[in-house]
Amino acid sequence: MMEYKQMAGRAGRPGLDPYGEAILIARGGEDEVDYLIRNYIGAKVEDIKSKFLTDKNLATHMLSAIASGYASSIDDVMRFISSTLGYVQGGFHRNEFLRDLLRRSR
């Protein structure tokens, strides 16, 4: 179900299309149509929890950002990380904490 919501949510091209369309095909009768509408289209979106800032993932993402040329300083890495869901969910109110976390994961 989450996969359908994720794909349907990406329908359309931002800035190019006024809206997006997603199609869900039912192969059975009305019972299947009702099931799909109830459990896919009308279902609540599942909560997600970012694993971005775990020790293992943080080191990998830092190295990827640096190796790709996206970041060349700790300030660049901070800008990159502070724009992620993990940063928002982590409740980082002070960048000093994140800077310390980055230094420890080197």
PDB file of N, CA and C in Angstrom:
ATOM      1  N   MET A   1       0.815  -1.181   0.000  1.00  0.00           N
ATOM      2  CA  MET A   1       0.000   0.000   0.000  1.00  0.00           C
ATOM      3  C   MET A   1       0.869   1.259   0.000  1.00  0.00           C
ATOM      4  N   MET A   2       1.926   1.232   0.792  1.00  0.00           N
ATOM      5  CA  MET A   2       2.799   2.402   0.855  1.00  0.00           C
ATOM      6  C   MET A   2       3.451   2.650  -0.511  1.00  0.00           C
ATOM      7  N   GLU A   3       3.760   1.572  -1.210  1.00  0.00           N
ATOM      8  CA  GLU A   3       4.387   1.707  -2.528  1.00  0.00           C
ATOM      9  C   GLU A   3       3.439   2.412  -3.506  1.00  0.00           C
ATOM     10  N   TYR A   4       2.160   2.076  -3.460  1.00  0.00           N
ATOM     11  CA  TYR A   4       1.190   2.747  -4.335  1.00  0.00           C
ATOM     12  C   TYR A   4       1.127   4.235  -4.016  1.00  0.00           C
ATOM     13  N   LYS A   5       1.013   4.579  -2.731  1.00  0.00           N
ATOM     14  CA  LYS A   5       0.936   5.992  -2.332  1.00  0.00           C
ATOM     15  C   LYS A   5       2.196   6.738  -2.769  1.00  0.00           C
ATOM     16  N   GLN A   6       3.337   6.091  -2.625  1.00  0.00           N
ATOM     17  CA  GLN A   6       4.593   6.737  -2.996  1.00  0.00           C
ATOM     18  C   GLN A   6       4.636   6.997  -4.503  1.00  0.00           C
ATOM     19  N   MET A   7       4.258   6.015  -5.306  1.00  0.00           N
ATOM     20  CA  MET A   7       4.282   6.185  -6.761  1.00  0.00           C
ATOM     21  C   MET A   7       3.212   7.172  -7.229  1.00  0.00           C
ATOM     22  N   ALA A   8       2.013   7.072  -6.677  1.00  0.00           N
ATOM     23  CA  ALA A   8       0.937   7.976  -7.080  1.00  0.00           C
ATOM     24  C   ALA A   8       1.272   9.416  -6.684  1.00  0.00           C
ATOM     25  N   GLY A   9       1.962   9.580  -5.573  1.00  0.00           N
ATOM     26  CA  GLY A   9       2.354  10.906  -5.119  1.00  0.00           C
ATOM     27  C   GLY A   9       3.372  11.575  -6.022  1.00  0.00           C
ATOM     28  N   ARG A  10       4.033  10.800  -6.849  1.00  0.00           N
ATOM     29  CA  ARG A  10       5.027  11.342  -7.773  1.00  0.00           C
ATOM     30  C   ARG A  10       4.453  11.623  -9.160  1.00  0.00           C
ATOM     31  N   ALA A  11       3.172  11.379  -9.341  1.00  0.00           N
ATOM     32  CA  ALA A  11       2.542  11.590 -10.646  1.00  0.00           C
ATOM     33  C   ALA A  11       2.575  13.074 -11.002  1.00  0.00           C
ATOM     34  N   GLY A  12       2.855  13.351 -12.254  1.00  0.00           N
ATOM     35  CA  GLY A  12       2.953  14.735 -12.715  1.00  0.00           C
ATOM     36  C   GLY A  12       4.366  15.254 -12.542  1.00  0.00           C
ATOM     37  N   ARG A  13       4.675  16.315 -13.258  1.00  0.00           N
ATOM     38  CA  ARG A  13       6.008  16.901 -13.194  1.00  0.00           C
ATOM     39  C   ARG A  13       5.915  18.292 -12.578  1.00  0.00           C
ATOM     40  N   PRO A  14       6.545  18.470 -11.409  1.00  0.00           N
ATOM     41  CA  PRO A  14       6.462  19.767 -10.733  1.00  0.00           C
ATOM     42  C   PRO A  14       6.899  20.911 -11.652  1.00  0.00           C
ATOM     43  N   GLY A  15       6.080  21.941 -11.704  1.00  0.00           N
ATOM     44  CA  GLY A  15       6.388  23.098 -12.531  1.00  0.00           C
ATOM     45  C   GLY A  15       5.963  22.950 -13.981  1.00  0.00           C
ATOM     46  N   LEU A  16       5.618  21.730 -14.394  1.00  0.00           N
ATOM     47  CA  LEU A  16       5.234  21.495 -15.790  1.00  0.00           C
ATOM     48  C   LEU A  16       3.776  21.056 -15.927  1.00  0.00           C
ATOM     49  N   ASP A  17       3.321  20.237 -14.993  1.00  0.00           N
ATOM     50  CA  ASP A  17       1.947  19.727 -15.046  1.00  0.00           C
ATOM     51  C   ASP A  17       1.125  20.343 -13.923  1.00  0.00           C
ATOM     52  N   PRO A  18      -0.127  20.750 -14.209  1.00  0.00           N
ATOM     53  CA  PRO A  18      -0.954  21.332 -13.149  1.00  0.00           C
ATOM     54  C   PRO A  18      -1.411  20.287 -12.124  1.00  0.00           C
ATOM     55  N   TYR A  19      -1.405  19.015 -12.493  1.00  0.00           N
ATOM     56  CA  TYR A  19      -1.792  17.935 -11.591  1.00  0.00           C
ATOM     57  C   TYR A  19      -1.225  16.631 -12.142  1.00  0.00           C
ATOM     58  N   GLY A  20      -1.254  15.587 -11.333  1.00  0.00           N
ATOM     59  CA  GLY A  20      -0.787  14.278 -11.767  1.00  0.00           C
ATOM     60  C   GLY A  20      -1.921  13.279 -11.746  1.00  0.00           C
ATOM     61  N   GLU A  21      -1.760  12.203 -12.457  1.00  0.00           N
ATOM     62  CA  GLU A  21      -2.774  11.152 -12.496  1.00  0.00           C
ATOM     63  C   GLU A  21      -2.129   9.822 -12.185  1.00  0.00           C
ATOM     64  N   ALA A  22      -2.853   8.983 -11.435  1.00  0.00           N
ATOM     65  CA  ALA A  22      -2.402   7.633 -11.134  1.00  0.00           C
ATOM     66  C   ALA A  22      -3.559   6.684 -11.417  1.00  0.00           C
ATOM     67  N   ILE A  23      -3.246   5.528 -11.946  1.00  0.00           N
ATOM     68  CA  ILE A  23      -4.279   4.554 -12.308  1.00  0.00           C
ATOM     69  C   ILE A  23      -4.032   3.272 -11.524  1.00  0.00           C
ATOM     70  N   LEU A  24      -5.086   2.759 -10.918  1.00  0.00           N
ATOM     71  CA  LEU A  24      -5.042   1.499 -10.192  1.00  0.00           C
ATOM     72  C   LEU A  24      -6.053   0.577 -10.868  1.00  0.00           C
ATOM     73  N   ILE A  25      -5.598  -0.541 -11.376  1.00  0.00           N
ATOM     74  CA  ILE A  25      -6.465  -1.431 -12.156  1.00  0.00           C
ATOM     75  C   ILE A  25      -6.948  -2.599 -11.302  1.00  0.00           C
ATOM     76  N   ALA A  26      -8.256  -2.787 -11.268  1.00  0.00           N
ATOM     77  CA  ALA A  26      -8.883  -3.917 -10.571  1.00  0.00           C
ATOM     78  C   ALA A  26      -9.204  -4.984 -11.604  1.00  0.00           C
ATOM     79  N   ARG A  27      -8.778  -6.189 -11.353  1.00  0.00           N
ATOM     80  CA  ARG A  27      -9.021  -7.277 -12.309  1.00  0.00           C
ATOM     81  C   ARG A  27     -10.291  -8.058 -11.988  1.00  0.00           C
ATOM     82  N   GLY A  28     -10.796  -7.898 -10.769  1.00  0.00           N
ATOM     83  CA  GLY A  28     -11.989  -8.636 -10.353  1.00  0.00           C
ATOM     84  C   GLY A  28     -13.230  -7.779 -10.428  1.00  0.00           C
ATOM     85  N   GLY A  29     -14.185  -8.138  -9.634  1.00  0.00           N
ATOM     86  CA  GLY A  29     -15.467  -7.434  -9.636  1.00  0.00           C
ATOM     87  C   GLY A  29     -15.490  -6.264  -8.675  1.00  0.00           C
ATOM     88  N   GLU A  30     -16.736  -5.874  -8.318  1.00  0.00           N
ATOM     89  CA  GLU A  30     -16.943  -4.730  -7.436  1.00  0.00           C
ATOM     90  C   GLU A  30     -16.285  -4.916  -6.080  1.00  0.00           C
ATOM     91  N   ASP A  31     -16.212  -6.147  -5.599  1.00  0.00           N
ATOM     92  CA  ASP A  31     -15.572  -6.383  -4.298  1.00  0.00           C
ATOM     93  C   ASP A  31     -14.104  -5.969  -4.331  1.00  0.00           C
ATOM     94  N   GLU A  32     -13.424  -6.287  -5.418  1.00  0.00           N
ATOM     95  CA  GLU A  32     -12.011  -5.907  -5.520  1.00  0.00           C
ATOM     96  C   GLU A  32     -11.869  -4.398  -5.676  1.00  0.00           C
ATOM     97  N   VAL A  33     -12.763  -3.780  -6.419  1.00  0.00           N
ATOM     98  CA  VAL A  33     -12.738  -2.320  -6.579  1.00  0.00           C
ATOM     99  C   VAL A  33     -12.881  -1.666  -5.210  1.00  0.00           C
ATOM    100  N   ASP A  34     -13.854  -2.123  -4.431  1.00  0.00           N
ATOM    101  CA  ASP A  34     -14.058  -1.573  -3.085  1.00  0.00           C
ATOM    102  C   ASP A  34     -12.825  -1.781  -2.217  1.00  0.00           C
ATOM    103  N   TYR A  35     -12.232  -2.966  -2.299  1.00  0.00           N
ATOM    104  CA  TYR A  35     -11.023  -3.280  -1.514  1.00  0.00           C
ATOM    105  C   TYR A  35      -9.875  -2.343  -1.891  1.00  0.00           C
ATOM    106  N   LEU A  36      -9.649  -2.149  -3.192  1.00  0.00           N
ATOM    107  CA  LEU A  36      -8.560  -1.292  -3.638  1.00  0.00           C
ATOM    108  C   LEU A  36      -8.772   0.170  -3.230  1.00  0.00           C
ATOM    109  N   ILE A  37      -9.997   0.637  -3.367  1.00  0.00           N
ATOM    110  CA  ILE A  37     -10.288   2.021  -2.963  1.00  0.00           C
ATOM    111  C   ILE A  37     -10.074   2.189  -1.460  1.00  0.00           C
ATOM    112  N   ARG A  38     -10.574   1.248  -0.682  1.00  0.00           N
ATOM    113  CA  ARG A  38     -10.475   1.338   0.776  1.00  0.00           C
ATOM    114  C   ARG A  38      -9.030   1.181   1.257  1.00  0.00           C
ATOM    115  N   ASN A  39      -8.293   0.225   0.706  1.00  0.00           N
ATOM    116  CA  ASN A  39      -6.975  -0.120   1.239  1.00  0.00           C
ATOM    117  C   ASN A  39      -5.788   0.507   0.511  1.00  0.00           C
ATOM    118  N   TYR A  40      -6.012   1.094  -0.636  1.00  0.00           N
ATOM    119  CA  TYR A  40      -4.914   1.731  -1.354  1.00  0.00           C
ATOM    120  C   TYR A  40      -5.144   3.234  -1.503  1.00  0.00           C
ATOM    121  N   ILE A  41      -6.257   3.598  -2.102  1.00  0.00           N
ATOM    122  CA  ILE A  41      -6.513   5.010  -2.368  1.00  0.00           C
ATOM    123  C   ILE A  41      -6.922   5.749  -1.094  1.00  0.00           C
ATOM    124  N   GLY A  42      -7.822   5.175  -0.316  1.00  0.00           N
ATOM    125  CA  GLY A  42      -8.326   5.856   0.868  1.00  0.00           C
ATOM    126  C   GLY A  42      -7.545   5.584   2.145  1.00  0.00           C
ATOM    127  N   ALA A  43      -6.550   4.717   2.077  1.00  0.00           N
ATOM    128  CA  ALA A  43      -5.803   4.357   3.280  1.00  0.00           C
ATOM    129  C   ALA A  43      -4.939   5.515   3.777  1.00  0.00           C
ATOM    130  N   LYS A  44      -4.757   5.567   5.072  1.00  0.00           N
ATOM    131  CA  LYS A  44      -3.887   6.569   5.686  1.00  0.00           C
ATOM    132  C   LYS A  44      -2.447   6.290   5.249  1.00  0.00           C
ATOM    133  N   VAL A  45      -1.715   7.339   4.996  1.00  0.00           N
ATOM    134  CA  VAL A  45      -0.310   7.196   4.628  1.00  0.00           C
ATOM    135  C   VAL A  45       0.458   6.721   5.861  1.00  0.00           C
ATOM    136  N   GLU A  46       1.295   5.707   5.664  1.00  0.00           N
ATOM    137  CA  GLU A  46       2.052   5.156   6.778  1.00  0.00           C
ATOM    138  C   GLU A  46       3.164   6.119   7.206  1.00  0.00           C
ATOM    139  N   ASP A  47       3.422   6.158   8.507  1.00  0.00           N
ATOM    140  CA  ASP A  47       4.522   6.969   9.019  1.00  0.00           C
ATOM    141  C   ASP A  47       5.845   6.366   8.571  1.00  0.00           C
ATOM    142  N   ILE A  48       6.806   7.239   8.291  1.00  0.00           N
ATOM    143  CA  ILE A  48       8.140   6.761   7.950  1.00  0.00           C
ATOM    144  C   ILE A  48       9.137   7.378   8.923  1.00  0.00           C
ATOM    145  N   LYS A  49      10.171   6.654   9.202  1.00  0.00           N
ATOM    146  CA  LYS A  49      11.214   7.122  10.110  1.00  0.00           C
ATOM    147  C   LYS A  49      12.534   7.032   9.363  1.00  0.00           C
ATOM    148  N   SER A  50      13.173   8.158   9.200  1.00  0.00           N
ATOM    149  CA  SER A  50      14.438   8.215   8.493  1.00  0.00           C
ATOM    150  C   SER A  50      15.539   7.490   9.265  1.00  0.00           C
ATOM    151  N   LYS A  51      16.364   6.770   8.550  1.00  0.00           N
ATOM    152  CA  LYS A  51      17.547   6.113   9.124  1.00  0.00           C
ATOM    153  C   LYS A  51      18.813   6.820   8.632  1.00  0.00           C
ATOM    154  N   PHE A  52      18.634   7.992   8.040  1.00  0.00           N
ATOM    155  CA  PHE A  52      19.729   8.728   7.412  1.00  0.00           C
ATOM    156  C   PHE A  52      20.875   9.037   8.370  1.00  0.00           C
ATOM    157  N   LEU A  53      20.552   9.416   9.599  1.00  0.00           N
ATOM    158  CA  LEU A  53      21.593   9.870  10.516  1.00  0.00           C
ATOM    159  C   LEU A  53      22.106   8.796  11.472  1.00  0.00           C
ATOM    160  N   THR A  54      21.866   7.530  11.158  1.00  0.00           N
ATOM    161  CA  THR A  54      22.495   6.483  11.965  1.00  0.00           C
ATOM    162  C   THR A  54      23.987   6.495  11.659  1.00  0.00           C
ATOM    163  N   ASP A  55      24.801   6.004  12.589  1.00  0.00           N
ATOM    164  CA  ASP A  55      26.258   6.071  12.415  1.00  0.00           C
ATOM    165  C   ASP A  55      26.715   5.498  11.073  1.00  0.00           C
ATOM    166  N   LYS A  56      26.206   4.313  10.731  1.00  0.00           N
ATOM    167  CA  LYS A  56      26.610   3.661   9.481  1.00  0.00           C
ATOM    168  C   LYS A  56      26.174   4.482   8.261  1.00  0.00           C
ATOM    169  N   ASN A  57      24.920   4.915   8.234  1.00  0.00           N
ATOM    170  CA  ASN A  57      24.406   5.659   7.089  1.00  0.00           C
ATOM    171  C   ASN A  57      25.023   7.042   6.978  1.00  0.00           C
ATOM    172  N   LEU A  58      25.245   7.699   8.094  1.00  0.00           N
ATOM    173  CA  LEU A  58      25.794   9.049   8.064  1.00  0.00           C
ATOM    174  C   LEU A  58      27.171   9.058   7.414  1.00  0.00           C
ATOM    175  N   ALA A  59      28.018   8.132   7.795  1.00  0.00           N
ATOM    176  CA  ALA A  59      29.362   8.072   7.208  1.00  0.00           C
ATOM    177  C   ALA A  59      29.284   7.824   5.704  1.00  0.00           C
ATOM    178  N   THR A  60      28.425   6.920   5.287  1.00  0.00           N
ATOM    179  CA  THR A  60      28.271   6.616   3.861  1.00  0.00           C
ATOM    180  C   THR A  60      27.790   7.838   3.091  1.00  0.00           C
ATOM    181  N   HIS A  61      26.791   8.537   3.608  1.00  0.00           N
ATOM    182  CA  HIS A  61      26.258   9.714   2.921  1.00  0.00           C
ATOM    183  C   HIS A  61      27.261  10.865   2.898  1.00  0.00           C
ATOM    184  N   MET A  62      28.004  11.025   3.983  1.00  0.00           N
ATOM    185  CA  MET A  62      29.045  12.066   4.000  1.00  0.00           C
ATOM    186  C   MET A  62      30.075  11.804   2.920  1.00  0.00           C
ATOM    187  N   LEU A  63      30.566  10.569   2.862  1.00  0.00           N
ATOM    188  CA  LEU A  63      31.581  10.212   1.865  1.00  0.00           C
ATOM    189  C   LEU A  63      31.040  10.363   0.448  1.00  0.00           C
ATOM    190  N   SER A  64      29.790   9.990   0.237  1.00  0.00           N
ATOM    191  CA  SER A  64      29.182  10.130  -1.092  1.00  0.00           C
ATOM    192  C   SER A  64      29.073  11.593  -1.499  1.00  0.00           C
ATOM    193  N   ALA A  65      28.670  12.449  -0.580  1.00  0.00           N
ATOM    194  CA  ALA A  65      28.536  13.880  -0.879  1.00  0.00           C
ATOM    195  C   ALA A  65      29.897  14.488  -1.208  1.00  0.00           C
ATOM    196  N   ILE A  66      30.927  14.074  -0.492  1.00  0.00           N
ATOM    197  CA  ILE A  66      32.268  14.599  -0.729  1.00  0.00           C
ATOM    198  C   ILE A  66      32.844  14.043  -2.030  1.00  0.00           C
ATOM    199  N   ALA A  67      32.720  12.727  -2.240  1.00  0.00           N
ATOM    200  CA  ALA A  67      33.273  12.093  -3.439  1.00  0.00           C
ATOM    201  C   ALA A  67      32.611  12.586  -4.713  1.00  0.00           C
ATOM    202  N   SER A  68      31.322  12.934  -4.631  1.00  0.00           N
ATOM    203  CA  SER A  68      30.607  13.386  -5.827  1.00  0.00           C
ATOM    204  C   SER A  68      30.862  14.865  -6.114  1.00  0.00           C
ATOM    205  N   GLY A  69      31.568  15.546  -5.212  1.00  0.00           N
ATOM    206  CA  GLY A  69      31.843  16.960  -5.405  1.00  0.00           C
ATOM    207  C   GLY A  69      30.719  17.860  -4.917  1.00  0.00           C
ATOM    208  N   TYR A  70      29.691  17.263  -4.326  1.00  0.00           N
ATOM    209  CA  TYR A  70      28.556  18.041  -3.828  1.00  0.00           C
ATOM    210  C   TYR A  70      28.953  18.836  -2.589  1.00  0.00           C
ATOM    211  N   ALA A  71      29.864  18.292  -1.811  1.00  0.00           N
ATOM    212  CA  ALA A  71      30.307  18.956  -0.583  1.00  0.00           C
ATOM    213  C   ALA A  71      31.827  18.919  -0.515  1.00  0.00           C
ATOM    214  N   SER A  72      32.418  20.054  -0.181  1.00  0.00           N
ATOM    215  CA  SER A  72      33.875  20.094  -0.049  1.00  0.00           C
ATOM    216  C   SER A  72      34.310  20.644   1.304  1.00  0.00           C
ATOM    217  N   SER A  73      33.356  20.934   2.174  1.00  0.00           N
ATOM    218  CA  SER A  73      33.680  21.419   3.511  1.00  0.00           C
ATOM    219  C   SER A  73      32.613  20.930   4.479  1.00  0.00           C
ATOM    220  N   ILE A  74      32.885  21.064   5.759  1.00  0.00           N
ATOM    221  CA  ILE A  74      31.892  20.647   6.746  1.00  0.00           C
ATOM    222  C   ILE A  74      30.645  21.515   6.645  1.00  0.00           C
ATOM    223  N   ASP A  75      30.807  22.784   6.236  1.00  0.00           N
ATOM    224  CA  ASP A  75      29.629  23.646   6.042  1.00  0.00           C
ATOM    225  C   ASP A  75      28.758  23.128   4.899  1.00  0.00           C
ATOM    226  N   ASP A  76      29.390  22.656   3.819  1.00  0.00           N
ATOM    227  CA  ASP A  76      28.629  22.063   2.710  1.00  0.00           C
ATOM    228  C   ASP A  76      27.882  20.818   3.168  1.00  0.00           C
ATOM    229  N   VAL A  77      28.560  19.987   3.942  1.00  0.00           N
ATOM    230  CA  VAL A  77      27.927  18.765   4.454  1.00  0.00           C
ATOM    231  C   VAL A  77      26.759  19.135   5.368  1.00  0.00           C
ATOM    232  N   MET A  78      26.952  20.156   6.204  1.00  0.00           N
ATOM    233  CA  MET A  78      25.879  20.614   7.096  1.00  0.00           C
ATOM    234  C   MET A  78      24.663  21.089   6.299  1.00  0.00           C
ATOM    235  N   ARG A  79      24.904  21.847   5.230  1.00  0.00           N
ATOM    236  CA  ARG A  79      23.788  22.314   4.391  1.00  0.00           C
ATOM    237  C   ARG A  79      23.032  21.131   3.806  1.00  0.00           C
ATOM    238  N   PHE A  80      23.794  20.144   3.318  1.00  0.00           N
ATOM    239  CA  PHE A  80      23.191  18.948   2.731  1.00  0.00           C
ATOM    240  C   PHE A  80      22.351  18.201   3.769  1.00  0.00           C
ATOM    241  N   ILE A  81      22.930  17.913   4.914  1.00  0.00           N
ATOM    242  CA  ILE A  81      22.239  17.134   5.936  1.00  0.00           C
ATOM    243  C   ILE A  81      21.046  17.888   6.507  1.00  0.00           C
ATOM    244  N   SER A  82      21.173  19.196   6.673  1.00  0.00           N
ATOM    245  CA  SER A  82      20.076  19.950   7.286  1.00  0.00           C
ATOM    246  C   SER A  82      18.858  20.056   6.375  1.00  0.00           C
ATOM    247  N   SER A  83      18.978  19.603   5.133  1.00  0.00           N
ATOM    248  CA  SER A  83      17.827  19.618   4.227  1.00  0.00           C
ATOM    249  C   SER A  83      17.146  18.250   4.136  1.00  0.00           C
ATOM    250  N   THR A  84      17.534  17.316   4.996  1.00  0.00           N
ATOM    251  CA  THR A  84      16.992  15.959   4.919  1.00  0.00           C
ATOM    252  C   THR A  84      15.866  15.717   5.924  1.00  0.00           C
ATOM    253  N   LEU A  85      15.069  14.705   5.656  1.00  0.00           N
ATOM    254  CA  LEU A  85      14.014  14.285   6.579  1.00  0.00           C
ATOM    255  C   LEU A  85      14.612  13.851   7.908  1.00  0.00           C
ATOM    256  N   GLY A  86      15.749  13.162   7.874  1.00  0.00           N
ATOM    257  CA  GLY A  86      16.390  12.713   9.107  1.00  0.00           C
ATOM    258  C   GLY A  86      16.734  13.867  10.025  1.00  0.00           C
ATOM    259  N   TYR A  87      17.188  14.951   9.458  1.00  0.00           N
ATOM    260  CA  TYR A  87      17.527  16.144  10.241  1.00  0.00           C
ATOM    261  C   TYR A  87      16.276  16.720  10.893  1.00  0.00           C
ATOM    262  N   VAL A  88      15.200  16.824  10.121  1.00  0.00           N
ATOM    263  CA  VAL A  88      13.946  17.364  10.648  1.00  0.00           C
ATOM    264  C   VAL A  88      13.389  16.454  11.744  1.00  0.00           C
ATOM    265  N   GLN A  89      13.366  15.153  11.486  1.00  0.00           N
ATOM    266  CA  GLN A  89      12.831  14.224  12.470  1.00  0.00           C
ATOM    267  C   GLN A  89      13.712  14.127  13.707  1.00  0.00           C
ATOM    268  N   GLY A  90      15.005  14.350  13.538  1.00  0.00           N
ATOM    269  CA  GLY A  90      15.929  14.259  14.665  1.00  0.00           C
ATOM    270  C   GLY A  90      15.792  15.398  15.644  1.00  0.00           C
ATOM    271  N   GLY A  91      15.082  16.448  15.270  1.00  0.00           N
ATOM    272  CA  GLY A  91      14.873  17.571  16.160  1.00  0.00           C
ATOM    273  C   GLY A  91      16.147  18.322  16.481  1.00  0.00           C
ATOM    274  N   PHE A  92      17.038  18.442  15.535  1.00  0.00           N
ATOM    275  CA  PHE A  92      18.301  19.142  15.775  1.00  0.00           C
ATOM    276  C   PHE A  92      18.053  20.644  15.833  1.00  0.00           C
ATOM    277  N   HIS A  93      18.089  21.165  17.020  1.00  0.00           N
ATOM    278  CA  HIS A  93      17.862  22.598  17.196  1.00  0.00           C
ATOM    279  C   HIS A  93      19.176  23.365  17.192  1.00  0.00           C
ATOM    280  N   ARG A  94      20.245  22.669  17.480  1.00  0.00           N
ATOM    281  CA  ARG A  94      21.550  23.326  17.485  1.00  0.00           C
ATOM    282  C   ARG A  94      22.467  22.607  16.519  1.00  0.00           C
ATOM    283  N   ASN A  95      23.042  23.322  15.610  1.00  0.00           N
ATOM    284  CA  ASN A  95      23.932  22.720  14.638  1.00  0.00           C
ATOM    285  C   ASN A  95      25.209  22.201  15.267  1.00  0.00           C
ATOM    286  N   GLU A  96      25.581  22.699  16.482  1.00  0.00           N
ATOM    287  CA  GLU A  96      26.801  22.219  17.135  1.00  0.00           C
ATOM    288  C   GLU A  96      26.706  20.720  17.409  1.00  0.00           C
ATOM    289  N   PHE A  97      25.495  20.257  17.782  1.00  0.00           N
ATOM    290  CA  PHE A  97      25.310  18.829  18.037  1.00  0.00           C
ATOM    291  C   PHE A  97      25.585  18.017  16.777  1.00  0.00           C
ATOM    292  N   LEU A  98      25.033  18.470  15.653  1.00  0.00           N
ATOM    293  CA  LEU A  98      25.227  17.747  14.401  1.00  0.00           C
ATOM    294  C   LEU A  98      26.683  17.822  13.958  1.00  0.00           C
ATOM    295  N   ARG A  99      27.322  18.965  14.109  1.00  0.00           N
ATOM    296  CA  ARG A  99      28.742  19.081  13.768  1.00  0.00           C
ATOM    297  C   ARG A  99      29.564  18.092  14.580  1.00  0.00           C
ATOM    298  N   ASP A 100      29.264  17.941  15.865  1.00  0.00           N
ATOM    299  CA  ASP A 100      29.975  16.997  16.710  1.00  0.00           C
ATOM    300  C   ASP A 100      29.731  15.570  16.228  1.00  0.00           C
ATOM    301  N   LEU A 101      28.487  15.268  15.860  1.00  0.00           N
ATOM    302  CA  LEU A 101      28.137  13.942  15.333  1.00  0.00           C
ATOM    303  C   LEU A 101      28.915  13.655  14.053  1.00  0.00           C
ATOM    304  N   LEU A 102      29.019  14.649  13.179  1.00  0.00           N
ATOM    305  CA  LEU A 102      29.774  14.484  11.941  1.00  0.00           C
ATOM    306  C   LEU A 102      31.250  14.232  12.225  1.00  0.00           C
ATOM    307  N   ARG A 103      31.816  14.983  13.137  1.00  0.00           N
ATOM    308  CA  ARG A 103      33.237  14.809  13.467  1.00  0.00           C
ATOM    309  C   ARG A 103      33.509  13.429  14.041  1.00  0.00           C
ATOM    310  N   ARG A 104      32.591  12.922  14.860  1.00  0.00           N
ATOM    311  CA  ARG A 104      32.771  11.590  15.466  1.00  0.00           C
ATOM    312  C   ARG A 104      32.660  10.474  14.443  1.00  0.00           C
ATOM    313  N   SER A 105      31.913  10.684  13.365  1.00  0.00           N
ATOM    314  CA  SER A 105      31.702   9.602  12.385  1.00  0.00           C
ATOM    315  C   SER A 105      32.770   9.597  11.293  1.00  0.00           C
ATOM    316  N   ARG A 106      33.770  10.443  11.410  1.00  0.00           N
ATOM    317  CA  ARG A 106      34.854  10.459  10.408  1.00  0.00           C
ATOM    318  C   ARG A 106      35.676   9.212  10.461  1.00  0.00           C
TER     319      ARG A 106
END
